[in-house]
Amino acid sequence: MAIIAQLSDIHLAAGRDGEVDDGSGPVRALRAAVSSLLTLPARPDAVVLTGDLADGGLPAEYARLHALLSPLPMAVYPMPGNHDDRDALRAVFKDHPAVAATGTGPQAPLQYAVDVAGARLVCCDTTVDGHPHGHLDEERLRWLDDTLAAAPDTPTIVATHHPPYPIGIRFIDDMRFVDPAGFAAVVERHPQIVRVISGHVHRGSVGSVGGKVSTTCPSTYRQLFLDLTRPGRAAVTGEPAGFAIHLVDERGSATTHFVPTGNYRPLMDVE
């Protein structure tokens, strides 16, 4: 069984001096998330970071991110969100073979596929330069289709930053995955896909795309207020930070758990 942890929307931010304050909220929150992962009884086989890793897309933010993730003994797979800069992210994570192989042109899409304990993780780049919304153009959709076709018998998780289904929170849907029909058509063509996972929403949710279960991940930092009215209030809440754990078994069945950050211990045995 493959166990893949998902951390998202970390938003490390540099101050006026260009450095990331070690006492800042995002830093403390990421340390807590890393600590929580390390205390799980079954450690994940890999960790995927589904975008908005930095707040301003600055090299110092990615350098601090890289250092804060260093206690994790498993492979870590970063991908960009609308707050990220692909080139700065790629430069700092150049020691990751999958990232290093994603291209050398300015702002080339940062997308790749890796094998994880008998499953496959396909990381898509839905970012649009200079804009908060997401999109996969024909070239990126062709890459996704070809990548999936290369391993039709391997249970696969497809990761994006922008979710490919409506969330119901007005200002998040204003920054939506634009024209997801092409993406849905590709997903529907490949039955080995067991889950589509995304970030961007700063809270857990479950939807569907192309006949597959699709989920979003809590933020390791701040959660968004669940206001489903119109126009709704754009606000953060005091809800606990968190992350997601995705299990993929040998039969190609997938299960997702949403985990609040914290080192929770068993209170009592129940059997």
C-alpha atoms as a PDB file:
ATOM      1  CA  MET A   1       0.000   0.000   0.000  1.00  0.00           C
ATOM      2  CA  ALA A   2       1.247   3.472  -0.893  1.00  0.00           C
ATOM      3  CA  ILE A   3       0.827   6.272   1.649  1.00  0.00           C
ATOM      4  CA  ILE A   4       1.140   9.775   0.198  1.00  0.00           C
ATOM      5  CA  ALA A   5       0.932  12.843   2.426  1.00  0.00           C
ATOM      6  CA  GLN A   6      -0.249  16.142   0.982  1.00  0.00           C
ATOM      7  CA  LEU A   7       0.815  19.515   2.376  1.00  0.00           C
ATOM      8  CA  SER A   8      -0.593  22.613   0.737  1.00  0.00           C
ATOM      9  CA  ASP A   9      -0.835  26.395   0.828  1.00  0.00           C
ATOM     10  CA  ILE A  10       2.129  26.882   3.141  1.00  0.00           C
ATOM     11  CA  HIS A  11       2.599  30.572   2.208  1.00  0.00           C
ATOM     12  CA  LEU A  12       6.068  31.171   3.630  1.00  0.00           C
ATOM     13  CA  ALA A  13       6.615  34.926   3.400  1.00  0.00           C
ATOM     14  CA  ALA A  14       9.772  37.034   3.418  1.00  0.00           C
ATOM     15  CA  GLY A  15       9.808  40.300   5.344  1.00  0.00           C
ATOM     16  CA  ARG A  16      11.080  43.690   4.258  1.00  0.00           C
ATOM     17  CA  ASP A  17      14.648  42.511   4.667  1.00  0.00           C
ATOM     18  CA  GLY A  18      14.026  39.746   2.164  1.00  0.00           C
ATOM     19  CA  GLU A  19      14.380  36.979   4.745  1.00  0.00           C
ATOM     20  CA  VAL A  20      11.804  34.632   6.230  1.00  0.00           C
ATOM     21  CA  ASP A  21      11.271  35.225   9.947  1.00  0.00           C
ATOM     22  CA  ASP A  22      11.739  31.972  11.850  1.00  0.00           C
ATOM     23  CA  GLY A  23       9.100  33.023  14.349  1.00  0.00           C
ATOM     24  CA  SER A  24       6.443  33.809  11.770  1.00  0.00           C
ATOM     25  CA  GLY A  25       3.099  32.042  11.690  1.00  0.00           C
ATOM     26  CA  PRO A  26       3.708  30.116   8.456  1.00  0.00           C
ATOM     27  CA  VAL A  27       7.081  28.867   9.717  1.00  0.00           C
ATOM     28  CA  ARG A  28       5.671  27.670  13.042  1.00  0.00           C
ATOM     29  CA  ALA A  29       2.753  26.069  11.222  1.00  0.00           C
ATOM     30  CA  LEU A  30       4.977  24.174   8.774  1.00  0.00           C
ATOM     31  CA  ARG A  31       7.202  22.955  11.607  1.00  0.00           C
ATOM     32  CA  ALA A  32       4.080  21.633  13.337  1.00  0.00           C
ATOM     33  CA  ALA A  33       2.923  19.877  10.171  1.00  0.00           C
ATOM     34  CA  VAL A  34       6.319  18.231   9.665  1.00  0.00           C
ATOM     35  CA  SER A  35       6.362  17.151  13.307  1.00  0.00           C
ATOM     36  CA  SER A  36       2.850  15.721  12.952  1.00  0.00           C
ATOM     37  CA  LEU A  37       3.854  13.694   9.891  1.00  0.00           C
ATOM     38  CA  LEU A  38       6.837  12.267  11.746  1.00  0.00           C
ATOM     39  CA  THR A  39       4.681  11.090  14.659  1.00  0.00           C
ATOM     40  CA  LEU A  40       2.202   9.138  12.531  1.00  0.00           C
ATOM     41  CA  PRO A  41       2.349   5.395  13.332  1.00  0.00           C
ATOM     42  CA  ALA A  42       2.757   4.641   9.610  1.00  0.00           C
ATOM     43  CA  ARG A  43       5.017   7.198   7.981  1.00  0.00           C
ATOM     44  CA  PRO A  44       4.128   8.280   4.442  1.00  0.00           C
ATOM     45  CA  ASP A  45       6.141   6.945   1.518  1.00  0.00           C
ATOM     46  CA  ALA A  46       6.242  10.422  -0.027  1.00  0.00           C
ATOM     47  CA  VAL A  47       4.981  13.976   0.481  1.00  0.00           C
ATOM     48  CA  VAL A  48       3.478  16.104  -2.286  1.00  0.00           C
ATOM     49  CA  LEU A  49       3.289  19.898  -1.882  1.00  0.00           C
ATOM     50  CA  THR A  50       0.323  21.156  -3.914  1.00  0.00           C
ATOM     51  CA  GLY A  51       1.248  24.779  -4.426  1.00  0.00           C
ATOM     52  CA  ASP A  52       1.309  28.227  -2.845  1.00  0.00           C
ATOM     53  CA  LEU A  53       4.445  27.113  -1.076  1.00  0.00           C
ATOM     54  CA  ALA A  54       5.768  30.683  -0.940  1.00  0.00           C
ATOM     55  CA  ASP A  55       3.708  33.826  -0.542  1.00  0.00           C
ATOM     56  CA  GLY A  56       5.743  36.068  -2.829  1.00  0.00           C
ATOM     57  CA  GLY A  57       7.616  33.578  -5.002  1.00  0.00           C
ATOM     58  CA  LEU A  58      10.994  34.777  -3.670  1.00  0.00           C
ATOM     59  CA  PRO A  59      14.203  32.679  -3.595  1.00  0.00           C
ATOM     60  CA  ALA A  60      14.594  33.228   0.161  1.00  0.00           C
ATOM     61  CA  GLU A  61      11.120  31.801   0.759  1.00  0.00           C
ATOM     62  CA  TYR A  62      11.940  28.609  -1.146  1.00  0.00           C
ATOM     63  CA  ALA A  63      15.308  28.303   0.560  1.00  0.00           C
ATOM     64  CA  ARG A  64      13.602  28.444   3.957  1.00  0.00           C
ATOM     65  CA  LEU A  65      10.967  25.974   2.778  1.00  0.00           C
ATOM     66  CA  HIS A  66      13.677  23.558   1.656  1.00  0.00           C
ATOM     67  CA  ALA A  67      15.370  23.791   5.054  1.00  0.00           C
ATOM     68  CA  LEU A  68      12.147  23.360   7.025  1.00  0.00           C
ATOM     69  CA  LEU A  69      11.316  20.205   5.069  1.00  0.00           C
ATOM     70  CA  SER A  70      14.773  18.687   5.609  1.00  0.00           C
ATOM     71  CA  PRO A  71      13.720  16.583   8.670  1.00  0.00           C
ATOM     72  CA  LEU A  72      11.427  14.525   6.435  1.00  0.00           C
ATOM     73  CA  PRO A  73      13.163  11.248   5.532  1.00  0.00           C
ATOM     74  CA  MET A  74      10.881  10.481   2.599  1.00  0.00           C
ATOM     75  CA  ALA A  75      10.824  11.994  -0.891  1.00  0.00           C
ATOM     76  CA  VAL A  76       9.162  15.409  -1.173  1.00  0.00           C
ATOM     77  CA  TYR A  77       7.566  16.497  -4.455  1.00  0.00           C
ATOM     78  CA  PRO A  78       6.861  20.237  -4.842  1.00  0.00           C
ATOM     79  CA  MET A  79       4.596  21.808  -7.437  1.00  0.00           C
ATOM     80  CA  PRO A  80       3.611  25.443  -8.017  1.00  0.00           C
ATOM     81  CA  GLY A  81       0.493  27.411  -7.167  1.00  0.00           C
ATOM     82  CA  ASN A  82      -0.611  30.876  -8.201  1.00  0.00           C
ATOM     83  CA  HIS A  83       1.581  32.520  -5.520  1.00  0.00           C
ATOM     84  CA  ASP A  84       4.686  30.659  -6.674  1.00  0.00           C
ATOM     85  CA  ASP A  85       7.450  31.420  -9.148  1.00  0.00           C
ATOM     86  CA  ARG A  86       8.351  28.295 -11.117  1.00  0.00           C
ATOM     87  CA  ASP A  87      11.935  29.299 -11.833  1.00  0.00           C
ATOM     88  CA  ALA A  88      12.722  30.251  -8.232  1.00  0.00           C
ATOM     89  CA  LEU A  89      11.106  27.035  -6.989  1.00  0.00           C
ATOM     90  CA  ARG A  90      12.976  24.934  -9.551  1.00  0.00           C
ATOM     91  CA  ALA A  91      16.308  26.584  -8.690  1.00  0.00           C
ATOM     92  CA  VAL A  92      16.067  25.825  -4.961  1.00  0.00           C
ATOM     93  CA  PHE A  93      14.725  22.281  -5.432  1.00  0.00           C
ATOM     94  CA  LYS A  94      17.211  21.381  -8.172  1.00  0.00           C
ATOM     95  CA  ASP A  95      18.488  18.524  -5.995  1.00  0.00           C
ATOM     96  CA  HIS A  96      15.134  16.775  -6.591  1.00  0.00           C
ATOM     97  CA  PRO A  97      15.625  14.720  -9.797  1.00  0.00           C
ATOM     98  CA  ALA A  98      11.965  14.942 -10.811  1.00  0.00           C
ATOM     99  CA  VAL A  99      12.003  18.740 -10.496  1.00  0.00           C
ATOM    100  CA  ALA A 100      15.366  19.103 -12.238  1.00  0.00           C
ATOM    101  CA  ALA A 101      14.021  17.238 -15.264  1.00  0.00           C
ATOM    102  CA  THR A 102      10.979  19.484 -15.801  1.00  0.00           C
ATOM    103  CA  GLY A 103      12.541  21.947 -18.249  1.00  0.00           C
ATOM    104  CA  THR A 104      15.041  24.746 -18.547  1.00  0.00           C
ATOM    105  CA  GLY A 105      13.163  27.511 -20.365  1.00  0.00           C
ATOM    106  CA  PRO A 106      11.971  30.591 -18.448  1.00  0.00           C
ATOM    107  CA  GLN A 107       8.789  29.698 -16.589  1.00  0.00           C
ATOM    108  CA  ALA A 108       8.605  26.271 -18.251  1.00  0.00           C
ATOM    109  CA  PRO A 109       5.763  24.216 -16.731  1.00  0.00           C
ATOM    110  CA  LEU A 110       6.846  22.410 -13.574  1.00  0.00           C
ATOM    111  CA  GLN A 111       5.111  19.067 -14.089  1.00  0.00           C
ATOM    112  CA  TYR A 112       6.293  15.479 -13.745  1.00  0.00           C
ATOM    113  CA  ALA A 113       5.351  11.926 -12.782  1.00  0.00           C
ATOM    114  CA  VAL A 114       6.989   9.689 -10.172  1.00  0.00           C
ATOM    115  CA  ASP A 115       6.454   6.181  -8.818  1.00  0.00           C
ATOM    116  CA  VAL A 116       5.636   5.863  -5.110  1.00  0.00           C
ATOM    117  CA  ALA A 117       5.477   2.412  -3.500  1.00  0.00           C
ATOM    118  CA  GLY A 118       3.591   0.773  -6.352  1.00  0.00           C
ATOM    119  CA  ALA A 119       1.421   3.804  -7.124  1.00  0.00           C
ATOM    120  CA  ARG A 120       2.042   6.746  -9.427  1.00  0.00           C
ATOM    121  CA  LEU A 121       1.885  10.446  -8.659  1.00  0.00           C
ATOM    122  CA  VAL A 122       1.368  12.832 -11.594  1.00  0.00           C
ATOM    123  CA  CYS A 123       1.957  16.489 -10.702  1.00  0.00           C
ATOM    124  CA  CYS A 124       0.330  19.009 -13.068  1.00  0.00           C
ATOM    125  CA  ASP A 125       1.132  22.706 -13.417  1.00  0.00           C
ATOM    126  CA  THR A 126      -2.168  24.633 -13.556  1.00  0.00           C
ATOM    127  CA  THR A 127      -0.651  28.072 -12.912  1.00  0.00           C
ATOM    128  CA  VAL A 128      -1.121  30.993 -15.305  1.00  0.00           C
ATOM    129  CA  ASP A 129       1.624  33.622 -15.228  1.00  0.00           C
ATOM    130  CA  GLY A 130       0.473  36.805 -13.508  1.00  0.00           C
ATOM    131  CA  HIS A 131      -3.027  35.532 -12.718  1.00  0.00           C
ATOM    132  CA  PRO A 132      -4.642  33.791  -9.727  1.00  0.00           C
ATOM    133  CA  HIS A 133      -6.831  31.391 -11.733  1.00  0.00           C
ATOM    134  CA  GLY A 134      -5.750  28.014 -13.086  1.00  0.00           C
ATOM    135  CA  HIS A 135      -5.774  26.521 -16.565  1.00  0.00           C
ATOM    136  CA  LEU A 136      -4.304  23.652 -18.571  1.00  0.00           C
ATOM    137  CA  ASP A 137      -3.700  24.635 -22.179  1.00  0.00           C
ATOM    138  CA  GLU A 138      -3.625  22.130 -25.030  1.00  0.00           C
ATOM    139  CA  GLU A 139       0.098  21.469 -24.652  1.00  0.00           C
ATOM    140  CA  ARG A 140      -0.178  20.678 -20.936  1.00  0.00           C
ATOM    141  CA  LEU A 141      -3.275  18.542 -21.483  1.00  0.00           C
ATOM    142  CA  ARG A 142      -1.390  16.609 -24.165  1.00  0.00           C
ATOM    143  CA  TRP A 143       1.480  16.075 -21.728  1.00  0.00           C
ATOM    144  CA  LEU A 144      -0.966  14.788 -19.105  1.00  0.00           C
ATOM    145  CA  ASP A 145      -2.696  12.456 -21.562  1.00  0.00           C
ATOM    146  CA  ASP A 146       0.630  11.033 -22.803  1.00  0.00           C
ATOM    147  CA  THR A 147       1.989  10.680 -19.260  1.00  0.00           C
ATOM    148  CA  LEU A 148      -1.078   8.759 -18.113  1.00  0.00           C
ATOM    149  CA  ALA A 149      -1.040   6.567 -21.220  1.00  0.00           C
ATOM    150  CA  ALA A 150       2.530   5.510 -20.417  1.00  0.00           C
ATOM    151  CA  ALA A 151       1.426   3.571 -17.287  1.00  0.00           C
ATOM    152  CA  PRO A 152      -2.175   2.396 -17.794  1.00  0.00           C
ATOM    153  CA  ASP A 153      -2.003  -0.381 -15.209  1.00  0.00           C
ATOM    154  CA  THR A 154      -0.548   1.587 -12.273  1.00  0.00           C
ATOM    155  CA  PRO A 155      -2.974   3.155  -9.739  1.00  0.00           C
ATOM    156  CA  THR A 156      -2.451   6.893 -10.162  1.00  0.00           C
ATOM    157  CA  ILE A 157      -3.051  10.070  -8.195  1.00  0.00           C
ATOM    158  CA  VAL A 158      -3.210  13.253 -10.279  1.00  0.00           C
ATOM    159  CA  ALA A 159      -2.278  16.435  -8.397  1.00  0.00           C
ATOM    160  CA  THR A 160      -3.160  20.022  -9.330  1.00  0.00           C
ATOM    161  CA  HIS A 161      -3.079  23.282  -7.411  1.00  0.00           C
ATOM    162  CA  HIS A 162      -6.454  24.599  -8.593  1.00  0.00           C
ATOM    163  CA  PRO A 163      -9.390  22.249  -7.922  1.00  0.00           C
ATOM    164  CA  PRO A 164     -11.274  21.146 -11.072  1.00  0.00           C
ATOM    165  CA  TYR A 165     -14.726  21.394  -9.452  1.00  0.00           C
ATOM    166  CA  PRO A 166     -16.743  24.272  -7.931  1.00  0.00           C
ATOM    167  CA  ILE A 167     -16.065  24.845  -4.232  1.00  0.00           C
ATOM    168  CA  GLY A 168     -19.026  27.105  -3.416  1.00  0.00           C
ATOM    169  CA  ILE A 169     -16.916  29.802  -1.748  1.00  0.00           C
ATOM    170  CA  ARG A 170     -17.373  32.801  -4.048  1.00  0.00           C
ATOM    171  CA  PHE A 171     -13.917  34.345  -3.994  1.00  0.00           C
ATOM    172  CA  ILE A 172     -12.198  30.964  -4.397  1.00  0.00           C
ATOM    173  CA  ASP A 173     -14.426  30.107  -7.355  1.00  0.00           C
ATOM    174  CA  ASP A 174     -13.481  33.503  -8.819  1.00  0.00           C
ATOM    175  CA  MET A 175      -9.917  32.127  -8.916  1.00  0.00           C
ATOM    176  CA  ARG A 176     -11.099  28.805 -10.278  1.00  0.00           C
ATOM    177  CA  PHE A 177      -9.697  26.237 -12.670  1.00  0.00           C
ATOM    178  CA  VAL A 178     -10.854  27.889 -15.910  1.00  0.00           C
ATOM    179  CA  ASP A 179     -12.403  25.572 -18.518  1.00  0.00           C
ATOM    180  CA  PRO A 180     -11.807  22.240 -16.743  1.00  0.00           C
ATOM    181  CA  ALA A 181     -13.719  20.304 -19.435  1.00  0.00           C
ATOM    182  CA  GLY A 182     -10.537  19.309 -21.277  1.00  0.00           C
ATOM    183  CA  PHE A 183      -8.970  18.126 -18.035  1.00  0.00           C
ATOM    184  CA  ALA A 184     -12.104  16.153 -17.147  1.00  0.00           C
ATOM    185  CA  ALA A 185     -12.049  14.470 -20.562  1.00  0.00           C
ATOM    186  CA  VAL A 186      -8.444  13.360 -20.074  1.00  0.00           C
ATOM    187  CA  VAL A 187      -9.182  12.071 -16.565  1.00  0.00           C
ATOM    188  CA  GLU A 188     -12.197  10.130 -17.816  1.00  0.00           C
ATOM    189  CA  ARG A 189     -10.084   8.378 -20.475  1.00  0.00           C
ATOM    190  CA  HIS A 190      -7.728   6.840 -17.918  1.00  0.00           C
ATOM    191  CA  PRO A 191      -9.386   4.369 -15.518  1.00  0.00           C
ATOM    192  CA  GLN A 192      -6.180   3.882 -13.499  1.00  0.00           C
ATOM    193  CA  ILE A 193      -6.707   7.301 -11.872  1.00  0.00           C
ATOM    194  CA  VAL A 194      -7.882   6.658  -8.312  1.00  0.00           C
ATOM    195  CA  ARG A 195      -7.885  10.231  -6.997  1.00  0.00           C
ATOM    196  CA  VAL A 196      -7.470  13.834  -8.181  1.00  0.00           C
ATOM    197  CA  ILE A 197      -6.024  16.006  -5.390  1.00  0.00           C
ATOM    198  CA  SER A 198      -5.684  19.787  -5.200  1.00  0.00           C
ATOM    199  CA  GLY A 199      -4.829  22.715  -2.941  1.00  0.00           C
ATOM    200  CA  HIS A 200      -5.824  26.395  -3.279  1.00  0.00           C
ATOM    201  CA  VAL A 201      -8.947  26.166  -1.098  1.00  0.00           C
ATOM    202  CA  HIS A 202      -7.324  26.217   2.365  1.00  0.00           C
ATOM    203  CA  ARG A 203      -9.743  23.572   3.637  1.00  0.00           C
ATOM    204  CA  GLY A 204     -10.713  19.986   2.939  1.00  0.00           C
ATOM    205  CA  SER A 205     -13.472  19.283   0.436  1.00  0.00           C
ATOM    206  CA  VAL A 206     -14.634  16.404  -1.761  1.00  0.00           C
ATOM    207  CA  GLY A 207     -15.998  16.652  -5.304  1.00  0.00           C
ATOM    208  CA  SER A 208     -15.622  14.820  -8.581  1.00  0.00           C
ATOM    209  CA  VAL A 209     -14.132  15.268 -12.036  1.00  0.00           C
ATOM    210  CA  GLY A 210     -14.246  12.935 -15.014  1.00  0.00           C
ATOM    211  CA  GLY A 211     -15.993  10.301 -12.929  1.00  0.00           C
ATOM    212  CA  LYS A 212     -13.208  10.285 -10.313  1.00  0.00           C
ATOM    213  CA  VAL A 213     -13.237  11.399  -6.670  1.00  0.00           C
ATOM    214  CA  SER A 214     -11.466  14.740  -6.305  1.00  0.00           C
ATOM    215  CA  THR A 215     -10.370  16.374  -3.042  1.00  0.00           C
ATOM    216  CA  THR A 216      -8.810  19.566  -1.725  1.00  0.00           C
ATOM    217  CA  CYS A 217      -6.412  19.778   1.191  1.00  0.00           C
ATOM    218  CA  PRO A 218      -6.424  21.895   4.343  1.00  0.00           C
ATOM    219  CA  SER A 219      -3.697  24.531   4.530  1.00  0.00           C
ATOM    220  CA  THR A 220      -0.753  23.953   6.815  1.00  0.00           C
ATOM    221  CA  TYR A 221      -1.203  27.615   7.821  1.00  0.00           C
ATOM    222  CA  ARG A 222      -4.675  29.222   7.726  1.00  0.00           C
ATOM    223  CA  GLN A 223      -8.117  27.894   6.842  1.00  0.00           C
ATOM    224  CA  LEU A 224     -10.690  29.884   4.892  1.00  0.00           C
ATOM    225  CA  PHE A 225     -14.060  30.751   6.371  1.00  0.00           C
ATOM    226  CA  LEU A 226     -16.795  28.482   4.988  1.00  0.00           C
ATOM    227  CA  ASP A 227     -19.254  31.104   3.718  1.00  0.00           C
ATOM    228  CA  LEU A 228     -21.448  29.624   0.974  1.00  0.00           C
ATOM    229  CA  THR A 229     -23.650  32.732   0.657  1.00  0.00           C
ATOM    230  CA  ARG A 230     -23.431  35.299  -2.144  1.00  0.00           C
ATOM    231  CA  PRO A 231     -21.407  37.420  -2.310  1.00  0.00           C
ATOM    232  CA  GLY A 232     -20.004  35.885   0.864  1.00  0.00           C
ATOM    233  CA  ARG A 233     -17.234  37.012   3.149  1.00  0.00           C
ATOM    234  CA  ALA A 234     -13.579  36.424   2.261  1.00  0.00           C
ATOM    235  CA  ALA A 235     -11.976  35.660   5.616  1.00  0.00           C
ATOM    236  CA  VAL A 236      -9.740  33.218   7.477  1.00  0.00           C
ATOM    237  CA  THR A 237     -10.815  31.333  10.587  1.00  0.00           C
ATOM    238  CA  GLY A 238      -9.300  29.930  13.745  1.00  0.00           C
ATOM    239  CA  GLU A 239      -9.881  26.351  12.599  1.00  0.00           C
ATOM    240  CA  PRO A 240      -6.846  24.102  13.056  1.00  0.00           C
ATOM    241  CA  ALA A 241      -4.319  23.742  10.279  1.00  0.00           C
ATOM    242  CA  GLY A 242      -3.993  20.356   8.655  1.00  0.00           C
ATOM    243  CA  PHE A 243      -2.951  18.132   5.809  1.00  0.00           C
ATOM    244  CA  ALA A 244      -4.207  15.089   3.916  1.00  0.00           C
ATOM    245  CA  ILE A 245      -3.136  11.458   3.784  1.00  0.00           C
ATOM    246  CA  HIS A 246      -3.963   9.405   0.687  1.00  0.00           C
ATOM    247  CA  LEU A 247      -3.830   5.596   0.754  1.00  0.00           C
ATOM    248  CA  VAL A 248      -3.649   3.588  -2.461  1.00  0.00           C
ATOM    249  CA  ASP A 249      -3.847  -0.192  -2.096  1.00  0.00           C
ATOM    250  CA  GLU A 250      -2.744  -2.990  -4.392  1.00  0.00           C
ATOM    251  CA  ARG A 251      -6.229  -3.309  -5.922  1.00  0.00           C
ATOM    252  CA  GLY A 252      -6.241   0.320  -6.985  1.00  0.00           C
ATOM    253  CA  SER A 253      -8.598   1.513  -4.257  1.00  0.00           C
ATOM    254  CA  ALA A 254      -7.954   4.915  -2.676  1.00  0.00           C
ATOM    255  CA  THR A 255      -8.875   6.452   0.677  1.00  0.00           C
ATOM    256  CA  THR A 256      -8.270  10.037   1.833  1.00  0.00           C
ATOM    257  CA  HIS A 257      -7.949  11.220   5.451  1.00  0.00           C
ATOM    258  CA  PHE A 258      -7.937  14.887   6.541  1.00  0.00           C
ATOM    259  CA  VAL A 259      -5.644  15.268   9.552  1.00  0.00           C
ATOM    260  CA  PRO A 260      -5.500  18.311  11.881  1.00  0.00           C
ATOM    261  CA  THR A 261      -1.981  19.411  12.710  1.00  0.00           C
ATOM    262  CA  GLY A 262      -0.842  18.351  16.156  1.00  0.00           C
ATOM    263  CA  ASN A 263       0.834  15.433  17.888  1.00  0.00           C
ATOM    264  CA  TYR A 264      -2.300  13.665  19.059  1.00  0.00           C
ATOM    265  CA  ARG A 265      -1.832  10.592  21.244  1.00  0.00           C
ATOM    266  CA  PRO A 266      -4.283   7.734  21.862  1.00  0.00           C
ATOM    267  CA  LEU A 267      -6.457   8.443  24.892  1.00  0.00           C
ATOM    268  CA  MET A 268      -7.559   4.858  25.410  1.00  0.00           C
ATOM    269  CA  ASP A 269      -7.759   1.557  23.579  1.00  0.00           C
ATOM    270  CA  VAL A 270     -11.212   0.741  22.213  1.00  0.00           C
ATOM    271  CA  GLU A 271     -10.821  -3.024  21.837  1.00  0.00           C
END
